[in-house]
C-alpha atoms as a PDB file:
ATOM      1  CA  UNK A   1     -11.392  -6.956   2.623  1.00  0.00           C
ATOM      2  CA  UNK A   2     -11.399  -7.224  -1.089  1.00  0.00           C
ATOM      3  CA  UNK A   3     -10.074  -4.951  -3.882  1.00  0.00           C
ATOM      4  CA  UNK A   4     -12.265  -4.647  -6.855  1.00  0.00           C
ATOM      5  CA  UNK A   5     -10.680  -4.216 -10.123  1.00  0.00           C
ATOM      6  CA  UNK A   6     -12.376  -2.649 -13.140  1.00  0.00           C
ATOM      7  CA  UNK A   7     -11.820  -5.926 -15.037  1.00  0.00           C
ATOM      8  CA  UNK A   8     -11.199  -9.375 -13.657  1.00  0.00           C
ATOM      9  CA  UNK A   9      -7.655 -10.506 -13.119  1.00  0.00           C
ATOM     10  CA  UNK A  10      -6.485 -13.430 -15.156  1.00  0.00           C
ATOM     11  CA  UNK A  11      -6.089 -16.805 -13.453  1.00  0.00           C
ATOM     12  CA  UNK A  12      -2.720 -17.927 -12.246  1.00  0.00           C
ATOM     13  CA  UNK A  13      -0.424 -19.439 -14.977  1.00  0.00           C
ATOM     14  CA  UNK A  14      -0.216 -23.092 -15.534  1.00  0.00           C
ATOM     15  CA  UNK A  15       1.652 -24.900 -12.679  1.00  0.00           C
ATOM     16  CA  UNK A  16       0.788 -22.187 -10.102  1.00  0.00           C
ATOM     17  CA  UNK A  17      -2.033 -21.225  -7.761  1.00  0.00           C
ATOM     18  CA  UNK A  18      -2.892 -17.815  -6.325  1.00  0.00           C
ATOM     19  CA  UNK A  19      -3.943 -17.449  -2.688  1.00  0.00           C
ATOM     20  CA  UNK A  20      -5.364 -14.190  -1.350  1.00  0.00           C
ATOM     21  CA  UNK A  21      -3.054 -12.450   1.064  1.00  0.00           C
ATOM     22  CA  UNK A  22      -2.563  -8.994   2.482  1.00  0.00           C
ATOM     23  CA  UNK A  23       0.258  -7.373   4.324  1.00  0.00           C
ATOM     24  CA  UNK A  24      -0.684  -4.985   7.241  1.00  0.00           C
ATOM     25  CA  UNK A  25       1.797  -2.388   8.420  1.00  0.00           C
ATOM     26  CA  UNK A  26       1.216   0.019  11.250  1.00  0.00           C
ATOM     27  CA  UNK A  27       3.282   1.755  14.025  1.00  0.00           C
ATOM     28  CA  UNK A  28       3.780  -1.634  15.680  1.00  0.00           C
ATOM     29  CA  UNK A  29       5.755  -3.345  12.977  1.00  0.00           C
ATOM     30  CA  UNK A  30       6.849  -0.375  11.014  1.00  0.00           C
ATOM     31  CA  UNK A  31       7.823   2.479  13.447  1.00  0.00           C
ATOM     32  CA  UNK A  32       8.006   5.250  10.903  1.00  0.00           C
ATOM     33  CA  UNK A  33       4.274   4.994  10.426  1.00  0.00           C
ATOM     34  CA  UNK A  34       3.791   6.295  13.999  1.00  0.00           C
ATOM     35  CA  UNK A  35       6.332   9.165  13.937  1.00  0.00           C
ATOM     36  CA  UNK A  36       5.152  12.761  14.044  1.00  0.00           C
ATOM     37  CA  UNK A  37       5.590  14.578  10.740  1.00  0.00           C
ATOM     38  CA  UNK A  38       6.540  18.273  10.987  1.00  0.00           C
ATOM     39  CA  UNK A  39       4.544  20.862   9.025  1.00  0.00           C
ATOM     40  CA  UNK A  40       5.112  20.636   5.278  1.00  0.00           C
ATOM     41  CA  UNK A  41       7.729  17.914   5.718  1.00  0.00           C
ATOM     42  CA  UNK A  42       7.941  14.176   4.957  1.00  0.00           C
ATOM     43  CA  UNK A  43       9.195  10.784   6.028  1.00  0.00           C
ATOM     44  CA  UNK A  44      10.881   9.340   2.991  1.00  0.00           C
ATOM     45  CA  UNK A  45      11.691   5.759   2.056  1.00  0.00           C
ATOM     46  CA  UNK A  46       9.600   3.900   4.586  1.00  0.00           C
ATOM     47  CA  UNK A  47      10.441   0.212   3.861  1.00  0.00           C
ATOM     48  CA  UNK A  48       7.456  -2.229   3.661  1.00  0.00           C
ATOM     49  CA  UNK A  49       9.155  -5.618   3.413  1.00  0.00           C
ATOM     50  CA  UNK A  50       7.420  -8.621   1.879  1.00  0.00           C
ATOM     51  CA  UNK A  51       7.846 -12.256   2.780  1.00  0.00           C
ATOM     52  CA  UNK A  52      10.332 -14.609   1.094  1.00  0.00           C
ATOM     53  CA  UNK A  53       7.972 -17.589   0.863  1.00  0.00           C
ATOM     54  CA  UNK A  54       6.203 -16.876  -2.408  1.00  0.00           C
ATOM     55  CA  UNK A  55       6.006 -14.020  -5.032  1.00  0.00           C
ATOM     56  CA  UNK A  56       3.299 -11.454  -4.167  1.00  0.00           C
ATOM     57  CA  UNK A  57       1.104  -9.869  -6.853  1.00  0.00           C
ATOM     58  CA  UNK A  58       0.086  -6.555  -5.400  1.00  0.00           C
ATOM     59  CA  UNK A  59      -3.462  -5.782  -6.555  1.00  0.00           C
ATOM     60  CA  UNK A  60      -4.918  -3.225  -4.030  1.00  0.00           C
ATOM     61  CA  UNK A  61      -3.994  -0.715  -1.399  1.00  0.00           C
ATOM     62  CA  UNK A  62      -5.897   0.553   1.541  1.00  0.00           C
ATOM     63  CA  UNK A  63      -4.640   3.340   3.895  1.00  0.00           C
ATOM     64  CA  UNK A  64      -6.176   3.885   7.282  1.00  0.00           C
ATOM     65  CA  UNK A  65      -5.618   7.309   8.789  1.00  0.00           C
ATOM     66  CA  UNK A  66      -7.750  10.139  10.250  1.00  0.00           C
ATOM     67  CA  UNK A  67      -5.297  12.776   8.929  1.00  0.00           C
ATOM     68  CA  UNK A  68      -6.712  14.564   5.982  1.00  0.00           C
ATOM     69  CA  UNK A  69      -3.494  16.488   5.411  1.00  0.00           C
ATOM     70  CA  UNK A  70      -1.387  13.301   4.959  1.00  0.00           C
ATOM     71  CA  UNK A  71       0.131  12.557   1.525  1.00  0.00           C
ATOM     72  CA  UNK A  72       1.559   9.355   0.232  1.00  0.00           C
ATOM     73  CA  UNK A  73       3.748   8.158  -2.609  1.00  0.00           C
ATOM     74  CA  UNK A  74       4.678   4.524  -3.258  1.00  0.00           C
ATOM     75  CA  UNK A  75       7.527   2.976  -5.085  1.00  0.00           C
ATOM     76  CA  UNK A  76       7.419  -0.496  -6.752  1.00  0.00           C
ATOM     77  CA  UNK A  77       9.984  -3.127  -5.716  1.00  0.00           C
ATOM     78  CA  UNK A  78      12.166  -2.031  -8.675  1.00  0.00           C
ATOM     79  CA  UNK A  79      12.182   1.670  -7.484  1.00  0.00           C
ATOM     80  CA  UNK A  80       9.654   2.962  -9.933  1.00  0.00           C
ATOM     81  CA  UNK A  81       7.463   5.708  -8.643  1.00  0.00           C
ATOM     82  CA  UNK A  82       3.699   4.990  -8.880  1.00  0.00           C
ATOM     83  CA  UNK A  83       2.701   8.590  -9.161  1.00  0.00           C
ATOM     84  CA  UNK A  84       4.154  12.009 -10.436  1.00  0.00           C
ATOM     85  CA  UNK A  85       3.986  13.441  -6.993  1.00  0.00           C
ATOM     86  CA  UNK A  86       2.752  12.963  -3.436  1.00  0.00           C
ATOM     87  CA  UNK A  87      -0.922  12.051  -3.475  1.00  0.00           C
ATOM     88  CA  UNK A  88      -3.275  13.704  -0.979  1.00  0.00           C
ATOM     89  CA  UNK A  89      -4.748  10.785   0.941  1.00  0.00           C
ATOM     90  CA  UNK A  90      -8.203  12.216   0.885  1.00  0.00           C
ATOM     91  CA  UNK A  91      -8.049  12.440  -2.965  1.00  0.00           C
ATOM     92  CA  UNK A  92      -6.274   9.257  -3.886  1.00  0.00           C
ATOM     93  CA  UNK A  93      -7.259   6.628  -1.314  1.00  0.00           C
ATOM     94  CA  UNK A  94     -10.616   7.628  -0.087  1.00  0.00           C
ATOM     95  CA  UNK A  95     -13.442   7.006  -2.640  1.00  0.00           C
ATOM     96  CA  UNK A  96     -15.416  10.160  -3.296  1.00  0.00           C
ATOM     97  CA  UNK A  97     -12.746  12.427  -1.756  1.00  0.00           C
ATOM     98  CA  UNK A  98     -13.468  11.894   1.924  1.00  0.00           C
ATOM     99  CA  UNK A  99     -12.823   9.202   4.645  1.00  0.00           C
ATOM    100  CA  UNK A 100     -15.361   6.408   4.674  1.00  0.00           C
ATOM    101  CA  UNK A 101     -15.265   3.776   7.424  1.00  0.00           C
ATOM    102  CA  UNK A 102     -14.789   0.249   5.818  1.00  0.00           C
ATOM    103  CA  UNK A 103     -14.040   1.875   2.491  1.00  0.00           C
ATOM    104  CA  UNK A 104     -12.905  -0.304  -0.417  1.00  0.00           C
ATOM    105  CA  UNK A 105      -9.265  -0.539  -1.238  1.00  0.00           C
ATOM    106  CA  UNK A 106      -7.772   1.247  -4.410  1.00  0.00           C
ATOM    107  CA  UNK A 107      -7.018  -1.392  -6.999  1.00  0.00           C
ATOM    108  CA  UNK A 108      -3.754  -1.640  -8.985  1.00  0.00           C
ATOM    109  CA  UNK A 109      -4.440  -2.531 -12.478  1.00  0.00           C
ATOM    110  CA  UNK A 110      -2.797  -4.600 -13.598  1.00  0.00           C
ATOM    111  CA  UNK A 111      -1.293  -6.116 -10.441  1.00  0.00           C
ATOM    112  CA  UNK A 112       2.238  -5.326  -9.561  1.00  0.00           C
ATOM    113  CA  UNK A 113       4.570  -8.456  -9.525  1.00  0.00           C
ATOM    114  CA  UNK A 114       6.752  -8.511  -6.473  1.00  0.00           C
ATOM    115  CA  UNK A 115       9.443 -11.037  -6.256  1.00  0.00           C
ATOM    116  CA  UNK A 116      10.399 -13.026  -3.229  1.00  0.00           C
ATOM    117  CA  UNK A 117      11.500 -10.733  -0.187  1.00  0.00           C
ATOM    118  CA  UNK A 118      10.719  -7.499  -2.231  1.00  0.00           C
ATOM    119  CA  UNK A 119      10.523  -4.163  -0.451  1.00  0.00           C
ATOM    120  CA  UNK A 120       7.836  -1.517  -1.281  1.00  0.00           C
ATOM    121  CA  UNK A 121       8.923   2.016  -0.560  1.00  0.00           C
ATOM    122  CA  UNK A 122       6.419   4.564   0.927  1.00  0.00           C
ATOM    123  CA  UNK A 123       6.777   8.256   1.492  1.00  0.00           C
ATOM    124  CA  UNK A 124       4.470   9.967   3.943  1.00  0.00           C
ATOM    125  CA  UNK A 125       4.143  13.849   3.656  1.00  0.00           C
ATOM    126  CA  UNK A 126       2.549  16.354   5.793  1.00  0.00           C
ATOM    127  CA  UNK A 127       0.606  18.764   3.399  1.00  0.00           C
ATOM    128  CA  UNK A 128      -0.596  21.121   5.991  1.00  0.00           C
ATOM    129  CA  UNK A 129       1.023  23.929   8.024  1.00  0.00           C
ATOM    130  CA  UNK A 130       0.407  22.065  11.364  1.00  0.00           C
ATOM    131  CA  UNK A 131       2.373  19.003  12.539  1.00  0.00           C
ATOM    132  CA  UNK A 132       0.788  15.622  12.116  1.00  0.00           C
ATOM    133  CA  UNK A 133       0.916  13.221  15.229  1.00  0.00           C
ATOM    134  CA  UNK A 134      -0.980  10.130  14.254  1.00  0.00           C
ATOM    135  CA  UNK A 135      -0.070   6.862  16.024  1.00  0.00           C
ATOM    136  CA  UNK A 136      -2.673   4.964  14.149  1.00  0.00           C
ATOM    137  CA  UNK A 137      -1.747   5.100  10.418  1.00  0.00           C
ATOM    138  CA  UNK A 138      -1.994   1.625   8.848  1.00  0.00           C
ATOM    139  CA  UNK A 139      -1.112   0.481   5.311  1.00  0.00           C
ATOM    140  CA  UNK A 140      -2.570  -2.649   3.752  1.00  0.00           C
ATOM    141  CA  UNK A 141      -1.092  -4.033   0.663  1.00  0.00           C
ATOM    142  CA  UNK A 142      -3.457  -6.635  -0.833  1.00  0.00           C
ATOM    143  CA  UNK A 143      -3.193  -9.165  -3.466  1.00  0.00           C
ATOM    144  CA  UNK A 144      -2.252 -12.842  -3.878  1.00  0.00           C
ATOM    145  CA  UNK A 145       0.812 -15.057  -3.176  1.00  0.00           C
ATOM    146  CA  UNK A 146       1.599 -17.054  -6.237  1.00  0.00           C
ATOM    147  CA  UNK A 147       2.527 -20.574  -5.265  1.00  0.00           C
ATOM    148  CA  UNK A 148       4.031 -23.261  -7.463  1.00  0.00           C
ATOM    149  CA  UNK A 149       2.006 -26.404  -7.492  1.00  0.00           C
ATOM    150  CA  UNK A 150       3.956 -29.319  -6.231  1.00  0.00           C
ATOM    151  CA  UNK A 151       3.342 -32.349  -8.421  1.00  0.00           C
END
């Protein structure tokens, strides 16, 4: 899986190397992703913790779900909202406005620098008048780990 930015990302700074990496969160490692969401309600502040071994440059996002009424909103590690409001999944994370199996991820331009052990926050919202019960929602955060070159 690759994210494709509009422009190429710059190379790692001198003394560092970038290694492709992705984080995968689903109901097995993040229980909130498997919780039912009542009609017109939300699950807020779902923590997506990152590793403490190297900084992560978050360059792309992919959300796997078969729920067209699901909405999402991300916050960067410093708590900054990445959108003005909850984004309907079918508009923001499905190219062309509908679910495509094997779709390309949505690129973050420029990449978002996440320090060691950072936590990305996610809100999931039910935008319909019927409850959402989805045990299979998954979130992929794609990018690179930035390693210091040992001399």
